[in-house]
Every structure is written in C-alpha cells, then in structure tokens.
Amino acid sequence: YLGSSLLGVPSEGEERLKCWPPLQPVNLRTHCHNKLESCADVVLS
C-alpha cells in the first residue's frame, strides 16, 4: 500500500517511490511508572 491513499505519504506515482528510502529499524525499551501518565514519547522525526 505504499504510495496509495491508505498510507497517504509518500505519493505521486511509481517514479517517486523508486527513490524512497526503505524503512530501517531501531529497538527501544522503557518502563511505565504510572497508568495515569505517559512514561515516554517515541519521536518519529
């Protein structure tokens, strides 16, 4: 569904997707301290 309306961005056809970088992972770990308060934000640029 990359390039379709389901994911939305990026768009503008197959030529656009050819230069789109592949997804690469980063592992994260955290601990929650309170169910009424978020413990951390995962920032995705």
All heavy atoms as atom14 arrays in JSON, in Angstrom:
{
  "sequence": "YLGSSLLGVPSEGEERLKCWPPLQPVNLRTHCHNKLESCADVVLS",
  "atom14_mask": [
    [1, 1, 1, 1, 1, 1, 1, 1, 1, 1, 1, 1, 0, 0],
    [1, 1, 1, 1, 1, 1, 1, 1, 0, 0, 0, 0, 0, 0],
    [1, 1, 1, 1, 0, 0, 0, 0, 0, 0, 0, 0, 0, 0],
    [1, 1, 1, 1, 1, 1, 0, 0, 0, 0, 0, 0, 0, 0],
    [1, 1, 1, 1, 1, 1, 0, 0, 0, 0, 0, 0, 0, 0],
    [1, 1, 1, 1, 1, 1, 1, 1, 0, 0, 0, 0, 0, 0],
    [1, 1, 1, 1, 1, 1, 1, 1, 0, 0, 0, 0, 0, 0],
    [1, 1, 1, 1, 0, 0, 0, 0, 0, 0, 0, 0, 0, 0],
    [1, 1, 1, 1, 1, 1, 1, 0, 0, 0, 0, 0, 0, 0],
    [1, 1, 1, 1, 1, 1, 1, 0, 0, 0, 0, 0, 0, 0],
    [1, 1, 1, 1, 1, 1, 0, 0, 0, 0, 0, 0, 0, 0],
    [1, 1, 1, 1, 1, 1, 1, 1, 1, 0, 0, 0, 0, 0],
    [1, 1, 1, 1, 0, 0, 0, 0, 0, 0, 0, 0, 0, 0],
    [1, 1, 1, 1, 1, 1, 1, 1, 1, 0, 0, 0, 0, 0],
    [1, 1, 1, 1, 1, 1, 1, 1, 1, 0, 0, 0, 0, 0],
    [1, 1, 1, 1, 1, 1, 1, 1, 1, 1, 1, 0, 0, 0],
    [1, 1, 1, 1, 1, 1, 1, 1, 0, 0, 0, 0, 0, 0],
    [1, 1, 1, 1, 1, 1, 1, 1, 1, 0, 0, 0, 0, 0],
    [1, 1, 1, 1, 1, 1, 0, 0, 0, 0, 0, 0, 0, 0],
    [1, 1, 1, 1, 1, 1, 1, 1, 1, 1, 1, 1, 1, 1],
    [1, 1, 1, 1, 1, 1, 1, 0, 0, 0, 0, 0, 0, 0],
    [1, 1, 1, 1, 1, 1, 1, 0, 0, 0, 0, 0, 0, 0],
    [1, 1, 1, 1, 1, 1, 1, 1, 0, 0, 0, 0, 0, 0],
    [1, 1, 1, 1, 1, 1, 1, 1, 1, 0, 0, 0, 0, 0],
    [1, 1, 1, 1, 1, 1, 1, 0, 0, 0, 0, 0, 0, 0],
    [1, 1, 1, 1, 1, 1, 1, 0, 0, 0, 0, 0, 0, 0],
    [1, 1, 1, 1, 1, 1, 1, 1, 0, 0, 0, 0, 0, 0],
    [1, 1, 1, 1, 1, 1, 1, 1, 0, 0, 0, 0, 0, 0],
    [1, 1, 1, 1, 1, 1, 1, 1, 1, 1, 1, 0, 0, 0],
    [1, 1, 1, 1, 1, 1, 1, 0, 0, 0, 0, 0, 0, 0],
    [1, 1, 1, 1, 1, 1, 1, 1, 1, 1, 0, 0, 0, 0],
    [1, 1, 1, 1, 1, 1, 0, 0, 0, 0, 0, 0, 0, 0],
    [1, 1, 1, 1, 1, 1, 1, 1, 1, 1, 0, 0, 0, 0],
    [1, 1, 1, 1, 1, 1, 1, 1, 0, 0, 0, 0, 0, 0],
    [1, 1, 1, 1, 1, 1, 1, 1, 1, 0, 0, 0, 0, 0],
    [1, 1, 1, 1, 1, 1, 1, 1, 0, 0, 0, 0, 0, 0],
    [1, 1, 1, 1, 1, 1, 1, 1, 1, 0, 0, 0, 0, 0],
    [1, 1, 1, 1, 1, 1, 0, 0, 0, 0, 0, 0, 0, 0],
    [1, 1, 1, 1, 1, 1, 0, 0, 0, 0, 0, 0, 0, 0],
    [1, 1, 1, 1, 1, 0, 0, 0, 0, 0, 0, 0, 0, 0],
    [1, 1, 1, 1, 1, 1, 1, 1, 0, 0, 0, 0, 0, 0],
    [1, 1, 1, 1, 1, 1, 1, 0, 0, 0, 0, 0, 0, 0],
    [1, 1, 1, 1, 1, 1, 1, 0, 0, 0, 0, 0, 0, 0],
    [1, 1, 1, 1, 1, 1, 1, 1, 0, 0, 0, 0, 0, 0],
    [1, 1, 1, 1, 1, 1, 0, 0, 0, 0, 0, 0, 0, 0]
  ],
  "atom14_positions": [
    [[0.8, -1.23, 0.0], [0.0, 0.0, 0.0], [0.84, 1.28, 0.0], [0.27, 2.38, 0.03], [-0.93, 0.02, 1.21], [-1.99, -1.06, 1.16], [-1.89, -2.2, 1.96], [-3.08, -0.94, 0.3], [-2.85, -3.19, 1.91], [-4.04, -1.94, 0.25], [-3.92, -3.06, 1.05], [-4.87, -4.05, 0.99], [0.0, 0.0, 0.0], [0.0, 0.0, 0.0]],
    [[2.17, 1.17, -0.06], [2.99, 2.37, -0.13], [2.68, 3.14, -1.42], [2.71, 2.58, -2.51], [4.47, 2.0, -0.09], [5.45, 3.18, -0.04], [5.3, 3.94, 1.27], [6.9, 2.69, -0.21], [0.0, 0.0, 0.0], [0.0, 0.0, 0.0], [0.0, 0.0, 0.0], [0.0, 0.0, 0.0], [0.0, 0.0, 0.0], [0.0, 0.0, 0.0]],
    [[2.4, 4.41, -1.29], [2.03, 5.23, -2.42], [0.54, 5.32, -2.67], [0.09, 6.11, -3.51], [0.0, 0.0, 0.0], [0.0, 0.0, 0.0], [0.0, 0.0, 0.0], [0.0, 0.0, 0.0], [0.0, 0.0, 0.0], [0.0, 0.0, 0.0], [0.0, 0.0, 0.0], [0.0, 0.0, 0.0], [0.0, 0.0, 0.0], [0.0, 0.0, 0.0]],
    [[-0.25, 4.53, -1.93], [-1.71, 4.57, -2.08], [-2.33, 5.53, -1.08], [-1.65, 6.06, -0.2], [-2.29, 3.16, -1.9], [-2.16, 2.75, -0.55], [0.0, 0.0, 0.0], [0.0, 0.0, 0.0], [0.0, 0.0, 0.0], [0.0, 0.0, 0.0], [0.0, 0.0, 0.0], [0.0, 0.0, 0.0], [0.0, 0.0, 0.0], [0.0, 0.0, 0.0]],
    [[-3.63, 5.72, -1.17], [-4.33, 6.61, -0.25], [-4.4, 6.04, 1.16], [-4.64, 6.78, 2.12], [-5.75, 6.89, -0.76], [-6.47, 5.66, -0.9], [0.0, 0.0, 0.0], [0.0, 0.0, 0.0], [0.0, 0.0, 0.0], [0.0, 0.0, 0.0], [0.0, 0.0, 0.0], [0.0, 0.0, 0.0], [0.0, 0.0, 0.0], [0.0, 0.0, 0.0]],
    [[-4.18, 4.73, 1.31], [-4.23, 4.13, 2.64], [-3.1, 4.65, 3.52], [-3.32, 4.98, 4.7], [-4.14, 2.6, 2.54], [-4.18, 1.85, 3.88], [-5.55, 2.0, 4.53], [-3.85, 0.37, 3.68], [0.0, 0.0, 0.0], [0.0, 0.0, 0.0], [0.0, 0.0, 0.0], [0.0, 0.0, 0.0], [0.0, 0.0, 0.0], [0.0, 0.0, 0.0]],
    [[-1.91, 4.77, 2.96], [-0.78, 5.31, 3.71], [-0.56, 6.79, 3.44], [0.08, 7.48, 4.25], [0.5, 4.52, 3.38], [0.48, 3.05, 3.81], [1.81, 2.38, 3.47], [0.19, 2.9, 5.29], [0.0, 0.0, 0.0], [0.0, 0.0, 0.0], [0.0, 0.0, 0.0], [0.0, 0.0, 0.0], [0.0, 0.0, 0.0], [0.0, 0.0, 0.0]],
    [[-1.02, 7.28, 2.3], [-1.04, 8.73, 2.05], [0.29, 9.31, 1.6], [0.41, 9.83, 0.5], [0.0, 0.0, 0.0], [0.0, 0.0, 0.0], [0.0, 0.0, 0.0], [0.0, 0.0, 0.0], [0.0, 0.0, 0.0], [0.0, 0.0, 0.0], [0.0, 0.0, 0.0], [0.0, 0.0, 0.0], [0.0, 0.0, 0.0], [0.0, 0.0, 0.0]],
    [[1.31, 9.25, 2.45], [2.62, 9.83, 2.16], [3.67, 8.73, 2.31], [3.66, 8.01, 3.32], [2.94, 10.99, 3.13], [4.33, 11.55, 2.88], [1.89, 12.08, 3.02], [0.0, 0.0, 0.0], [0.0, 0.0, 0.0], [0.0, 0.0, 0.0], [0.0, 0.0, 0.0], [0.0, 0.0, 0.0], [0.0, 0.0, 0.0], [0.0, 0.0, 0.0]],
    [[4.55, 8.57, 1.29], [4.72, 9.36, 0.06], [3.65, 9.03, -0.98], [2.93, 8.04, -0.86], [6.1, 8.94, -0.42], [6.24, 7.53, 0.05], [5.54, 7.49, 1.38], [0.0, 0.0, 0.0], [0.0, 0.0, 0.0], [0.0, 0.0, 0.0], [0.0, 0.0, 0.0], [0.0, 0.0, 0.0], [0.0, 0.0, 0.0], [0.0, 0.0, 0.0]],
    [[3.61, 9.88, -2.0], [2.62, 9.7, -3.07], [3.27, 10.04, -4.4], [4.49, 10.01, -4.54], [1.4, 10.59, -2.8], [1.79, 11.94, -2.66], [0.0, 0.0, 0.0], [0.0, 0.0, 0.0], [0.0, 0.0, 0.0], [0.0, 0.0, 0.0], [0.0, 0.0, 0.0], [0.0, 0.0, 0.0], [0.0, 0.0, 0.0], [0.0, 0.0, 0.0]],
    [[2.45, 10.35, -5.4], [2.9, 10.85, -6.69], [3.56, 9.8, -7.58], [4.48, 10.07, -8.32], [3.85, 12.05, -6.52], [3.21, 13.2, -5.75], [4.11, 14.42, -5.68], [5.12, 14.45, -6.42], [3.8, 15.33, -4.91], [0.0, 0.0, 0.0], [0.0, 0.0, 0.0], [0.0, 0.0, 0.0], [0.0, 0.0, 0.0], [0.0, 0.0, 0.0]],
    [[3.08, 8.54, -7.53], [3.42, 7.57, -8.55], [4.64, 6.72, -8.31], [5.36, 6.87, -7.32], [0.0, 0.0, 0.0], [0.0, 0.0, 0.0], [0.0, 0.0, 0.0], [0.0, 0.0, 0.0], [0.0, 0.0, 0.0], [0.0, 0.0, 0.0], [0.0, 0.0, 0.0], [0.0, 0.0, 0.0], [0.0, 0.0, 0.0], [0.0, 0.0, 0.0]],
    [[4.86, 5.8, -9.24], [5.92, 4.81, -9.12], [7.31, 5.43, -9.17], [8.23, 4.99, -8.49], [5.78, 3.74, -10.21], [4.49, 2.93, -10.09], [4.4, 1.85, -11.16], [5.36, 1.75, -11.95], [3.39, 1.12, -11.19], [0.0, 0.0, 0.0], [0.0, 0.0, 0.0], [0.0, 0.0, 0.0], [0.0, 0.0, 0.0], [0.0, 0.0, 0.0]],
    [[7.5, 6.44, -10.02], [8.81, 7.07, -10.11], [9.22, 7.68, -8.79], [10.39, 7.66, -8.42], [8.8, 8.14, -11.22], [8.67, 7.59, -12.63], [9.84, 6.69, -12.99], [10.99, 6.98, -12.57], [9.61, 5.68, -13.67], [0.0, 0.0, 0.0], [0.0, 0.0, 0.0], [0.0, 0.0, 0.0], [0.0, 0.0, 0.0], [0.0, 0.0, 0.0]],
    [[8.26, 8.22, -8.08], [8.54, 8.82, -6.77], [8.98, 7.74, -5.78], [9.9, 7.94, -4.98], [7.28, 9.53, -6.25], [7.36, 10.0, -4.79], [8.16, 11.27, -4.7], [8.18, 11.78, -3.35], [9.2, 11.6, -2.49], [10.25, 10.91, -2.87], [9.16, 12.1, -1.28], [0.0, 0.0, 0.0], [0.0, 0.0, 0.0], [0.0, 0.0, 0.0]],
    [[8.34, 6.57, -5.84], [8.64, 5.51, -4.88], [9.99, 4.85, -5.13], [10.57, 4.26, -4.21], [7.52, 4.45, -4.92], [6.11, 4.93, -4.57], [5.13, 3.77, -4.63], [6.08, 5.59, -3.2], [0.0, 0.0, 0.0], [0.0, 0.0, 0.0], [0.0, 0.0, 0.0], [0.0, 0.0, 0.0], [0.0, 0.0, 0.0], [0.0, 0.0, 0.0]],
    [[10.49, 4.96, -6.33], [11.78, 4.35, -6.64], [12.93, 4.99, -5.86], [13.92, 4.33, -5.55], [12.06, 4.46, -8.14], [11.19, 3.54, -9.0], [11.55, 3.68, -10.48], [10.67, 2.77, -11.34], [10.99, 2.89, -12.77], [0.0, 0.0, 0.0], [0.0, 0.0, 0.0], [0.0, 0.0, 0.0], [0.0, 0.0, 0.0], [0.0, 0.0, 0.0]],
    [[12.79, 6.27, -5.55], [13.84, 6.96, -4.8], [13.51, 7.09, -3.31], [14.18, 7.83, -2.59], [14.1, 8.35, -5.4], [12.66, 9.43, -5.4], [0.0, 0.0, 0.0], [0.0, 0.0, 0.0], [0.0, 0.0, 0.0], [0.0, 0.0, 0.0], [0.0, 0.0, 0.0], [0.0, 0.0, 0.0], [0.0, 0.0, 0.0], [0.0, 0.0, 0.0]],
    [[12.45, 6.42, -2.85], [12.06, 6.48, -1.45], [12.91, 5.5, -0.64], [12.94, 4.31, -0.93], [10.57, 6.16, -1.29], [10.06, 6.3, 0.1], [9.73, 5.31, 0.97], [9.81, 7.52, 0.81], [9.3, 5.82, 2.16], [9.33, 7.18, 2.09], [9.95, 8.87, 0.46], [8.99, 8.15, 3.03], [9.61, 9.83, 1.41], [9.14, 9.46, 2.67]],
    [[13.61, 5.95, 0.41], [14.49, 5.05, 1.18], [13.67, 3.97, 1.89], [12.56, 4.23, 2.37], [15.16, 5.98, 2.19], [14.97, 7.37, 1.65], [13.68, 7.33, 0.89], [0.0, 0.0, 0.0], [0.0, 0.0, 0.0], [0.0, 0.0, 0.0], [0.0, 0.0, 0.0], [0.0, 0.0, 0.0], [0.0, 0.0, 0.0], [0.0, 0.0, 0.0]],
    [[14.2, 2.77, 2.0], [13.5, 1.7, 2.73], [13.48, 1.97, 4.23], [14.36, 2.67, 4.77], [14.32, 0.45, 2.39], [15.68, 0.97, 2.08], [15.48, 2.3, 1.42], [0.0, 0.0, 0.0], [0.0, 0.0, 0.0], [0.0, 0.0, 0.0], [0.0, 0.0, 0.0], [0.0, 0.0, 0.0], [0.0, 0.0, 0.0], [0.0, 0.0, 0.0]],
    [[12.5, 1.4, 4.9], [12.41, 1.55, 6.35], [13.51, 0.75, 7.03], [13.8, -0.39, 6.64], [11.04, 1.08, 6.86], [9.8, 1.83, 6.38], [8.56, 1.25, 7.02], [9.91, 3.31, 6.66], [0.0, 0.0, 0.0], [0.0, 0.0, 0.0], [0.0, 0.0, 0.0], [0.0, 0.0, 0.0], [0.0, 0.0, 0.0], [0.0, 0.0, 0.0]],
    [[14.11, 1.36, 8.05], [15.13, 0.68, 8.84], [14.78, 0.78, 10.31], [14.26, 1.81, 10.77], [16.52, 1.28, 8.58], [17.02, 1.06, 7.15], [18.42, 1.58, 6.95], [19.1, 1.98, 7.9], [18.87, 1.6, 5.71], [0.0, 0.0, 0.0], [0.0, 0.0, 0.0], [0.0, 0.0, 0.0], [0.0, 0.0, 0.0], [0.0, 0.0, 0.0]],
    [[15.05, -0.27, 11.1], [14.55, -0.32, 12.48], [15.55, 0.16, 13.53], [16.76, 0.15, 13.32], [14.27, -1.82, 12.67], [15.34, -2.49, 11.85], [15.59, -1.57, 10.66], [0.0, 0.0, 0.0], [0.0, 0.0, 0.0], [0.0, 0.0, 0.0], [0.0, 0.0, 0.0], [0.0, 0.0, 0.0], [0.0, 0.0, 0.0], [0.0, 0.0, 0.0]],
    [[14.99, 0.56, 14.66], [15.75, 0.88, 15.88], [14.97, 0.31, 17.05], [13.77, 0.58, 17.2], [15.95, 2.4, 16.06], [16.62, 2.69, 17.41], [16.77, 2.98, 14.93], [0.0, 0.0, 0.0], [0.0, 0.0, 0.0], [0.0, 0.0, 0.0], [0.0, 0.0, 0.0], [0.0, 0.0, 0.0], [0.0, 0.0, 0.0], [0.0, 0.0, 0.0]],
    [[15.62, -0.49, 17.89], [14.96, -1.09, 19.04], [14.98, -0.13, 20.23], [15.99, 0.54, 20.49], [15.63, -2.4, 19.43], [15.38, -3.5, 18.41], [14.43, -3.44, 17.63], [16.24, -4.51, 18.41], [0.0, 0.0, 0.0], [0.0, 0.0, 0.0], [0.0, 0.0, 0.0], [0.0, 0.0, 0.0], [0.0, 0.0, 0.0], [0.0, 0.0, 0.0]],
    [[13.87, -0.1, 20.97], [13.71, 0.79, 22.11], [13.15, 0.01, 23.3], [12.43, -0.98, 23.13], [12.77, 1.96, 21.77], [13.12, 2.81, 20.54], [11.98, 3.75, 20.21], [14.41, 3.6, 20.78], [0.0, 0.0, 0.0], [0.0, 0.0, 0.0], [0.0, 0.0, 0.0], [0.0, 0.0, 0.0], [0.0, 0.0, 0.0], [0.0, 0.0, 0.0]],
    [[13.45, 0.52, 24.5], [12.97, -0.13, 25.72], [12.72, 0.94, 26.78], [13.53, 1.86, 26.95], [13.99, -1.16, 26.23], [13.59, -1.87, 27.52], [14.75, -2.72, 28.01], [14.46, -3.34, 29.3], [13.98, -4.57, 29.46], [13.74, -5.31, 28.39], [13.75, -5.06, 30.67], [0.0, 0.0, 0.0], [0.0, 0.0, 0.0], [0.0, 0.0, 0.0]],
    [[11.6, 0.82, 27.5], [11.28, 1.77, 28.55], [10.44, 1.1, 29.62], [9.99, -0.05, 29.46], [10.52, 3.0, 27.98], [10.35, 3.98, 29.0], [9.17, 2.6, 27.43], [0.0, 0.0, 0.0], [0.0, 0.0, 0.0], [0.0, 0.0, 0.0], [0.0, 0.0, 0.0], [0.0, 0.0, 0.0], [0.0, 0.0, 0.0], [0.0, 0.0, 0.0]],
    [[10.2, 1.82, 30.72], [9.39, 1.32, 31.83], [8.29, 2.32, 32.13], [8.52, 3.53, 32.11], [10.23, 1.11, 33.1], [11.27, 0.06, 32.98], [12.47, 0.28, 32.33], [11.3, -1.22, 33.43], [13.2, -0.82, 32.39], [12.52, -1.75, 33.05], [0.0, 0.0, 0.0], [0.0, 0.0, 0.0], [0.0, 0.0, 0.0], [0.0, 0.0, 0.0]],
    [[7.1, 1.83, 32.43], [5.98, 2.7, 32.83], [5.97, 2.84, 34.35], [6.27, 1.88, 35.08], [4.65, 2.13, 32.35], [4.44, 2.26, 30.56], [0.0, 0.0, 0.0], [0.0, 0.0, 0.0], [0.0, 0.0, 0.0], [0.0, 0.0, 0.0], [0.0, 0.0, 0.0], [0.0, 0.0, 0.0], [0.0, 0.0, 0.0], [0.0, 0.0, 0.0]],
    [[5.65, 4.03, 34.81], [5.65, 4.31, 36.24], [4.25, 4.58, 36.79], [4.02, 4.42, 37.98], [6.53, 5.52, 36.54], [7.88, 5.45, 35.9], [8.82, 4.52, 36.27], [8.44, 6.17, 34.91], [9.92, 4.68, 35.55], [9.71, 5.68, 34.71], [0.0, 0.0, 0.0], [0.0, 0.0, 0.0], [0.0, 0.0, 0.0], [0.0, 0.0, 0.0]],
    [[3.32, 4.98, 35.92], [2.01, 5.4, 36.39], [1.01, 5.21, 35.26], [1.24, 5.67, 34.14], [2.05, 6.87, 36.82], [0.78, 7.31, 37.51], [-0.29, 6.72, 37.34], [0.88, 8.37, 38.3], [0.0, 0.0, 0.0], [0.0, 0.0, 0.0], [0.0, 0.0, 0.0], [0.0, 0.0, 0.0], [0.0, 0.0, 0.0], [0.0, 0.0, 0.0]],
    [[-0.1, 4.53, 35.53], [-1.08, 4.26, 34.48], [-1.86, 5.51, 34.09], [-2.59, 5.5, 33.1], [-2.04, 3.16, 34.92], [-2.93, 3.54, 36.11], [-3.86, 2.39, 36.47], [-4.77, 2.75, 37.64], [-5.69, 1.64, 37.97], [0.0, 0.0, 0.0], [0.0, 0.0, 0.0], [0.0, 0.0, 0.0], [0.0, 0.0, 0.0], [0.0, 0.0, 0.0]],
    [[-1.74, 6.59, 34.87], [-2.43, 7.84, 34.55], [-1.51, 8.86, 33.89], [-1.91, 9.99, 33.67], [-3.02, 8.45, 35.83], [-4.05, 7.6, 36.57], [-4.52, 8.32, 37.83], [-5.24, 7.27, 35.67], [0.0, 0.0, 0.0], [0.0, 0.0, 0.0], [0.0, 0.0, 0.0], [0.0, 0.0, 0.0], [0.0, 0.0, 0.0], [0.0, 0.0, 0.0]],
    [[-0.3, 8.42, 33.55], [0.67, 9.35, 32.97], [1.58, 8.6, 32.02], [2.09, 7.52, 32.35], [1.48, 10.02, 34.09], [2.43, 11.09, 33.62], [3.08, 11.8, 34.78], [2.44, 11.9, 35.85], [4.24, 12.26, 34.63], [0.0, 0.0, 0.0], [0.0, 0.0, 0.0], [0.0, 0.0, 0.0], [0.0, 0.0, 0.0], [0.0, 0.0, 0.0]],
    [[1.8, 9.16, 30.85], [2.69, 8.53, 29.87], [4.11, 8.52, 30.4], [4.55, 9.47, 31.06], [2.62, 9.26, 28.54], [1.3, 9.22, 28.0], [0.0, 0.0, 0.0], [0.0, 0.0, 0.0], [0.0, 0.0, 0.0], [0.0, 0.0, 0.0], [0.0, 0.0, 0.0], [0.0, 0.0, 0.0], [0.0, 0.0, 0.0], [0.0, 0.0, 0.0]],
    [[4.84, 7.46, 30.08], [6.2, 7.33, 30.6], [7.25, 7.88, 29.64], [8.33, 8.29, 30.07], [6.51, 5.87, 30.9], [6.42, 4.77, 29.47], [0.0, 0.0, 0.0], [0.0, 0.0, 0.0], [0.0, 0.0, 0.0], [0.0, 0.0, 0.0], [0.0, 0.0, 0.0], [0.0, 0.0, 0.0], [0.0, 0.0, 0.0], [0.0, 0.0, 0.0]],
    [[6.95, 7.9, 28.33], [7.93, 8.37, 27.36], [7.24, 8.61, 26.03], [6.13, 8.12, 25.78], [9.07, 7.36, 27.2], [0.0, 0.0, 0.0], [0.0, 0.0, 0.0], [0.0, 0.0, 0.0], [0.0, 0.0, 0.0], [0.0, 0.0, 0.0], [0.0, 0.0, 0.0], [0.0, 0.0, 0.0], [0.0, 0.0, 0.0], [0.0, 0.0, 0.0]],
    [[7.91, 9.36, 25.17], [7.47, 9.59, 23.79], [8.44, 8.9, 22.84], [9.66, 9.0, 23.01], [7.44, 11.08, 23.43], [6.39, 11.86, 24.2], [5.42, 11.24, 24.65], [6.56, 13.08, 24.35], [0.0, 0.0, 0.0], [0.0, 0.0, 0.0], [0.0, 0.0, 0.0], [0.0, 0.0, 0.0], [0.0, 0.0, 0.0], [0.0, 0.0, 0.0]],
    [[7.9, 8.21, 21.85], [8.72, 7.71, 20.75], [8.63, 8.74, 19.64], [7.6, 8.87, 18.97], [8.25, 6.33, 20.26], [9.12, 5.86, 19.09], [8.29, 5.32, 21.39], [0.0, 0.0, 0.0], [0.0, 0.0, 0.0], [0.0, 0.0, 0.0], [0.0, 0.0, 0.0], [0.0, 0.0, 0.0], [0.0, 0.0, 0.0], [0.0, 0.0, 0.0]],
    [[9.7, 9.52, 19.45], [9.73, 10.57, 18.44], [10.09, 9.94, 17.1], [11.09, 9.22, 16.99], [10.75, 11.66, 18.81], [10.78, 12.76, 17.75], [10.41, 12.26, 20.17], [0.0, 0.0, 0.0], [0.0, 0.0, 0.0], [0.0, 0.0, 0.0], [0.0, 0.0, 0.0], [0.0, 0.0, 0.0], [0.0, 0.0, 0.0], [0.0, 0.0, 0.0]],
    [[9.29, 10.22, 16.08], [9.48, 9.67, 14.75], [9.72, 10.8, 13.77], [9.04, 10.94, 12.76], [8.27, 8.83, 14.35], [7.98, 7.65, 15.3], [6.62, 7.05, 15.03], [9.06, 6.59, 15.2], [0.0, 0.0, 0.0], [0.0, 0.0, 0.0], [0.0, 0.0, 0.0], [0.0, 0.0, 0.0], [0.0, 0.0, 0.0], [0.0, 0.0, 0.0]],
    [[10.68, 11.63, 14.11], [11.09, 12.78, 13.31], [9.88, 13.6, 12.88], [8.99, 13.86, 13.69], [11.91, 12.34, 12.1], [12.43, 13.47, 11.42], [0.0, 0.0, 0.0], [0.0, 0.0, 0.0], [0.0, 0.0, 0.0], [0.0, 0.0, 0.0], [0.0, 0.0, 0.0], [0.0, 0.0, 0.0], [0.0, 0.0, 0.0], [0.0, 0.0, 0.0]]
  ]
}
